[in-house]
C-alpha atoms as a PDB file:
ATOM      1  CA  MET A   1     -15.861-198.814  88.612  1.00  0.00           C
ATOM      2  CA  LYS A   2     -16.972-201.219  91.272  1.00  0.00           C
ATOM      3  CA  LYS A   3     -14.634-202.531  93.894  1.00  0.00           C
ATOM      4  CA  PRO A   4     -14.580-206.305  94.081  1.00  0.00           C
ATOM      5  CA  ASP A   5     -16.477-207.693  97.024  1.00  0.00           C
ATOM      6  CA  LEU A   6     -13.912-209.891  98.747  1.00  0.00           C
ATOM      7  CA  LEU A   7     -16.322-211.484 101.186  1.00  0.00           C
ATOM      8  CA  LYS A   8     -18.655-212.548  98.424  1.00  0.00           C
ATOM      9  CA  ASP A   9     -15.822-214.104  96.490  1.00  0.00           C
ATOM     10  CA  TYR A  10     -14.535-215.885  99.584  1.00  0.00           C
ATOM     11  CA  LEU A  11     -17.965-217.369 100.340  1.00  0.00           C
ATOM     12  CA  LYS A  12     -18.287-218.624  96.773  1.00  0.00           C
ATOM     13  CA  GLU A  13     -14.982-220.451  97.074  1.00  0.00           C
ATOM     14  CA  LEU A  14     -15.967-222.315 100.261  1.00  0.00           C
ATOM     15  CA  PRO A  15     -17.277-225.832  99.749  1.00  0.00           C
ATOM     16  CA  ARG A  16     -20.887-226.479 100.678  1.00  0.00           C
ATOM     17  CA  GLU A  17     -21.416-228.429 103.860  1.00  0.00           C
ATOM     18  CA  GLU A  18     -24.196-230.889 104.391  1.00  0.00           C
ATOM     19  CA  PRO A  19     -25.710-231.499 107.840  1.00  0.00           C
ATOM     20  CA  SER A  20     -25.293-234.909 109.377  1.00  0.00           C
ATOM     21  CA  ILE A  21     -27.972-237.530 108.881  1.00  0.00           C
ATOM     22  CA  ASN A  22     -29.370-237.246 112.417  1.00  0.00           C
ATOM     23  CA  PHE A  23     -29.012-233.448 112.663  1.00  0.00           C
ATOM     24  CA  THR A  24     -32.734-232.839 113.324  1.00  0.00           C
ATOM     25  CA  GLU A  25     -32.877-235.512 116.021  1.00  0.00           C
ATOM     26  CA  VAL A  26     -29.855-234.070 117.840  1.00  0.00           C
ATOM     27  CA  VAL A  27     -31.274-230.538 117.766  1.00  0.00           C
ATOM     28  CA  MET A  28     -34.724-231.664 118.904  1.00  0.00           C
ATOM     29  CA  SER A  29     -33.266-233.748 121.742  1.00  0.00           C
ATOM     30  CA  ARG A  30     -31.390-230.674 122.994  1.00  0.00           C
ATOM     31  CA  VAL A  31     -34.580-228.616 122.770  1.00  0.00           C
ATOM     32  CA  TYR A  32     -36.444-231.280 124.730  1.00  0.00           C
ATOM     33  CA  VAL A  33     -33.744-231.345 127.421  1.00  0.00           C
ATOM     34  CA  GLU A  34     -33.947-227.557 127.757  1.00  0.00           C
ATOM     35  CA  THR A  35     -37.727-227.618 128.170  1.00  0.00           C
ATOM     36  CA  VAL A  36     -37.473-230.354 130.809  1.00  0.00           C
ATOM     37  CA  LYS A  37     -34.816-228.401 132.732  1.00  0.00           C
ATOM     38  CA  SER A  38     -36.778-225.158 132.919  1.00  0.00           C
ATOM     39  CA  PRO A  39     -40.504-225.624 132.494  1.00  0.00           C
ATOM     40  CA  VAL A  40     -42.637-222.500 132.605  1.00  0.00           C
ATOM     41  CA  ALA A  41     -44.072-222.204 136.097  1.00  0.00           C
ATOM     42  CA  TYR A  42     -47.404-220.512 136.673  1.00  0.00           C
ATOM     43  CA  GLN A  43     -47.155-217.328 138.699  1.00  0.00           C
ATOM     44  CA  PRO A  44     -50.327-215.387 139.410  1.00  0.00           C
ATOM     45  CA  LEU A  45     -50.416-211.680 138.617  1.00  0.00           C
ATOM     46  CA  ILE A  46     -51.675-210.910 142.116  1.00  0.00           C
ATOM     47  CA  SER A  47     -50.065-212.911 144.905  1.00  0.00           C
ATOM     48  CA  LEU A  48     -51.915-214.330 147.894  1.00  0.00           C
ATOM     49  CA  LYS A  49     -50.600-211.490 150.055  1.00  0.00           C
ATOM     50  CA  GLY A  50     -51.882-209.026 147.493  1.00  0.00           C
ATOM     51  CA  TRP A  51     -55.347-210.611 147.516  1.00  0.00           C
ATOM     52  CA  ARG A  52     -55.298-210.589 151.321  1.00  0.00           C
ATOM     53  CA  ASN A  53     -54.507-206.867 151.346  1.00  0.00           C
ATOM     54  CA  ILE A  54     -57.244-206.157 148.798  1.00  0.00           C
ATOM     55  CA  ILE A  55     -59.816-208.095 150.839  1.00  0.00           C
ATOM     56  CA  ILE A  56     -58.799-206.393 154.096  1.00  0.00           C
ATOM     57  CA  ALA A  57     -58.977-202.947 152.480  1.00  0.00           C
ATOM     58  CA  SER A  58     -62.377-203.763 150.963  1.00  0.00           C
ATOM     59  CA  ILE A  59     -63.749-204.886 154.328  1.00  0.00           C
ATOM     60  CA  ILE A  60     -62.445-201.728 156.005  1.00  0.00           C
ATOM     61  CA  ILE A  61     -63.987-199.523 153.331  1.00  0.00           C
ATOM     62  CA  LEU A  62     -67.271-201.425 153.575  1.00  0.00           C
ATOM     63  CA  LEU A  63     -67.364-201.046 157.368  1.00  0.00           C
ATOM     64  CA  VAL A  64     -66.637-197.315 157.122  1.00  0.00           C
ATOM     65  CA  LEU A  65     -69.420-196.880 154.559  1.00  0.00           C
ATOM     66  CA  ILE A  66     -71.880-198.845 156.718  1.00  0.00           C
ATOM     67  CA  PHE A  67     -70.878-196.736 159.719  1.00  0.00           C
ATOM     68  CA  LEU A  68     -71.318-193.497 157.780  1.00  0.00           C
ATOM     69  CA  PHE A  69     -74.682-194.595 156.405  1.00  0.00           C
ATOM     70  CA  PHE A  70     -76.281-195.942 159.568  1.00  0.00           C
ATOM     71  CA  TYR A  71     -74.673-194.362 162.591  1.00  0.00           C
ATOM     72  CA  LEU A  72     -74.095-190.714 161.792  1.00  0.00           C
ATOM     73  CA  PRO A  73     -75.883-188.301 164.113  1.00  0.00           C
ATOM     74  CA  GLY A  74     -79.199-187.290 162.568  1.00  0.00           C
ATOM     75  CA  SER A  75     -79.337-190.337 160.314  1.00  0.00           C
ATOM     76  CA  GLN A  76     -82.959-191.356 159.808  1.00  0.00           C
ATOM     77  CA  THR A  77     -82.132-194.907 158.766  1.00  0.00           C
ATOM     78  CA  ALA A  78     -80.674-195.877 162.140  1.00  0.00           C
ATOM     79  CA  SER A  79     -83.412-194.393 164.309  1.00  0.00           C
ATOM     80  CA  GLY A  80     -85.808-197.306 163.836  1.00  0.00           C
ATOM     81  CA  LEU A  81     -83.214-200.071 163.769  1.00  0.00           C
ATOM     82  CA  VAL A  82     -80.913-199.478 166.702  1.00  0.00           C
ATOM     83  CA  SER A  83     -81.033-197.064 169.586  1.00  0.00           C
ATOM     84  CA  LEU A  84     -77.473-196.061 170.306  1.00  0.00           C
ATOM     85  CA  PRO A  85     -76.357-193.351 172.666  1.00  0.00           C
ATOM     86  CA  LYS A  86     -75.745-190.058 170.918  1.00  0.00           C
ATOM     87  CA  ILE A  87     -72.021-189.549 170.469  1.00  0.00           C
ATOM     88  CA  ASP A  88     -70.541-186.393 169.041  1.00  0.00           C
ATOM     89  CA  TYR A  89     -68.472-187.446 166.037  1.00  0.00           C
ATOM     90  CA  SER A  90     -67.681-183.925 164.908  1.00  0.00           C
ATOM     91  CA  PHE A  91     -64.066-184.131 166.064  1.00  0.00           C
ATOM     92  CA  PHE A  92     -63.582-187.188 163.848  1.00  0.00           C
ATOM     93  CA  LEU A  93     -65.651-186.059 160.874  1.00  0.00           C
ATOM     94  CA  LYS A  94     -64.436-182.457 160.625  1.00  0.00           C
ATOM     95  CA  PRO A  95     -61.438-183.272 158.377  1.00  0.00           C
ATOM     96  CA  PHE A  96     -63.674-185.392 156.151  1.00  0.00           C
ATOM     97  CA  VAL A  97     -66.271-182.615 155.898  1.00  0.00           C
ATOM     98  CA  LEU A  98     -63.587-180.117 154.942  1.00  0.00           C
ATOM     99  CA  LEU A  99     -62.184-182.584 152.431  1.00  0.00           C
ATOM    100  CA  SER A 100     -65.595-183.236 150.899  1.00  0.00           C
ATOM    101  CA  GLN A 101     -66.285-179.496 150.603  1.00  0.00           C
ATOM    102  CA  THR A 102     -63.002-179.076 148.792  1.00  0.00           C
ATOM    103  CA  LEU A 103     -63.547-182.095 146.573  1.00  0.00           C
ATOM    104  CA  ASN A 104     -67.032-180.915 145.590  1.00  0.00           C
ATOM    105  CA  LYS A 105     -65.355-178.090 143.745  1.00  0.00           C
ATOM    106  CA  LEU A 106     -63.192-180.457 141.696  1.00  0.00           C
ATOM    107  CA  SER A 107     -64.081-182.765 138.844  1.00  0.00           C
ATOM    108  CA  PHE A 108     -65.386-186.202 139.861  1.00  0.00           C
ATOM    109  CA  THR A 109     -63.019-187.958 137.455  1.00  0.00           C
ATOM    110  CA  PHE A 110     -60.001-186.127 138.833  1.00  0.00           C
ATOM    111  CA  VAL A 111     -60.990-187.056 142.368  1.00  0.00           C
ATOM    112  CA  ALA A 112     -61.554-190.702 141.415  1.00  0.00           C
ATOM    113  CA  VAL A 113     -58.141-190.932 139.758  1.00  0.00           C
ATOM    114  CA  LEU A 114     -56.504-189.171 142.699  1.00  0.00           C
ATOM    115  CA  MET A 115     -58.087-191.534 145.205  1.00  0.00           C
ATOM    116  CA  ALA A 116     -57.191-194.605 143.128  1.00  0.00           C
ATOM    117  CA  VAL A 117     -53.553-193.544 142.872  1.00  0.00           C
ATOM    118  CA  SER A 118     -53.481-192.790 146.602  1.00  0.00           C
ATOM    119  CA  ALA A 119     -54.942-196.206 147.414  1.00  0.00           C
ATOM    120  CA  LEU A 120     -52.384-197.923 145.189  1.00  0.00           C
ATOM    121  CA  LEU A 121     -49.529-196.054 146.844  1.00  0.00           C
ATOM    122  CA  ILE A 122     -50.826-196.942 150.305  1.00  0.00           C
ATOM    123  CA  PHE A 123     -51.219-200.633 149.357  1.00  0.00           C
ATOM    124  CA  ASP A 124     -47.715-200.624 147.887  1.00  0.00           C
ATOM    125  CA  GLN A 125     -46.274-199.206 151.124  1.00  0.00           C
ATOM    126  CA  ILE A 126     -48.191-201.731 153.237  1.00  0.00           C
ATOM    127  CA  HIS A 127     -47.153-204.597 150.975  1.00  0.00           C
ATOM    128  CA  SER A 128     -43.468-203.617 150.988  1.00  0.00           C
ATOM    129  CA  ARG A 129     -43.446-203.260 154.776  1.00  0.00           C
ATOM    130  CA  LEU A 130     -45.116-206.639 155.238  1.00  0.00           C
ATOM    131  CA  ASN A 131     -42.514-208.228 152.940  1.00  0.00           C
ATOM    132  CA  ASP A 132     -39.687-206.675 154.974  1.00  0.00           C
ATOM    133  CA  LEU A 133     -40.888-208.395 158.167  1.00  0.00           C
END
């Protein structure tokens, strides 16, 4: 035995309603008003401050690489180009040498991912501190 479906019976008893003659026009005019009120504004994925930070970091990295390539003691590429006084950089480079010896034992991919994540975290900290100013 099936129980009678009361909702179905109630809906069958209701008279059918027809939309007004200008129903589509009214709905479309409301849609148009909503689109005029709140148009979609373009927002770049990376803000101008973000691009500025990326450019500054790239320039710093480029300068460090140029320094390491040309001006390290014993570098043969700098001997013919520029004659600079010999400065002992060992106090500055010792942590980097130790780091590179340690990283040579690890996988290149792991190191690349680790450095990328570190750079992103540093940029995030710099960006949040610049926004707080």
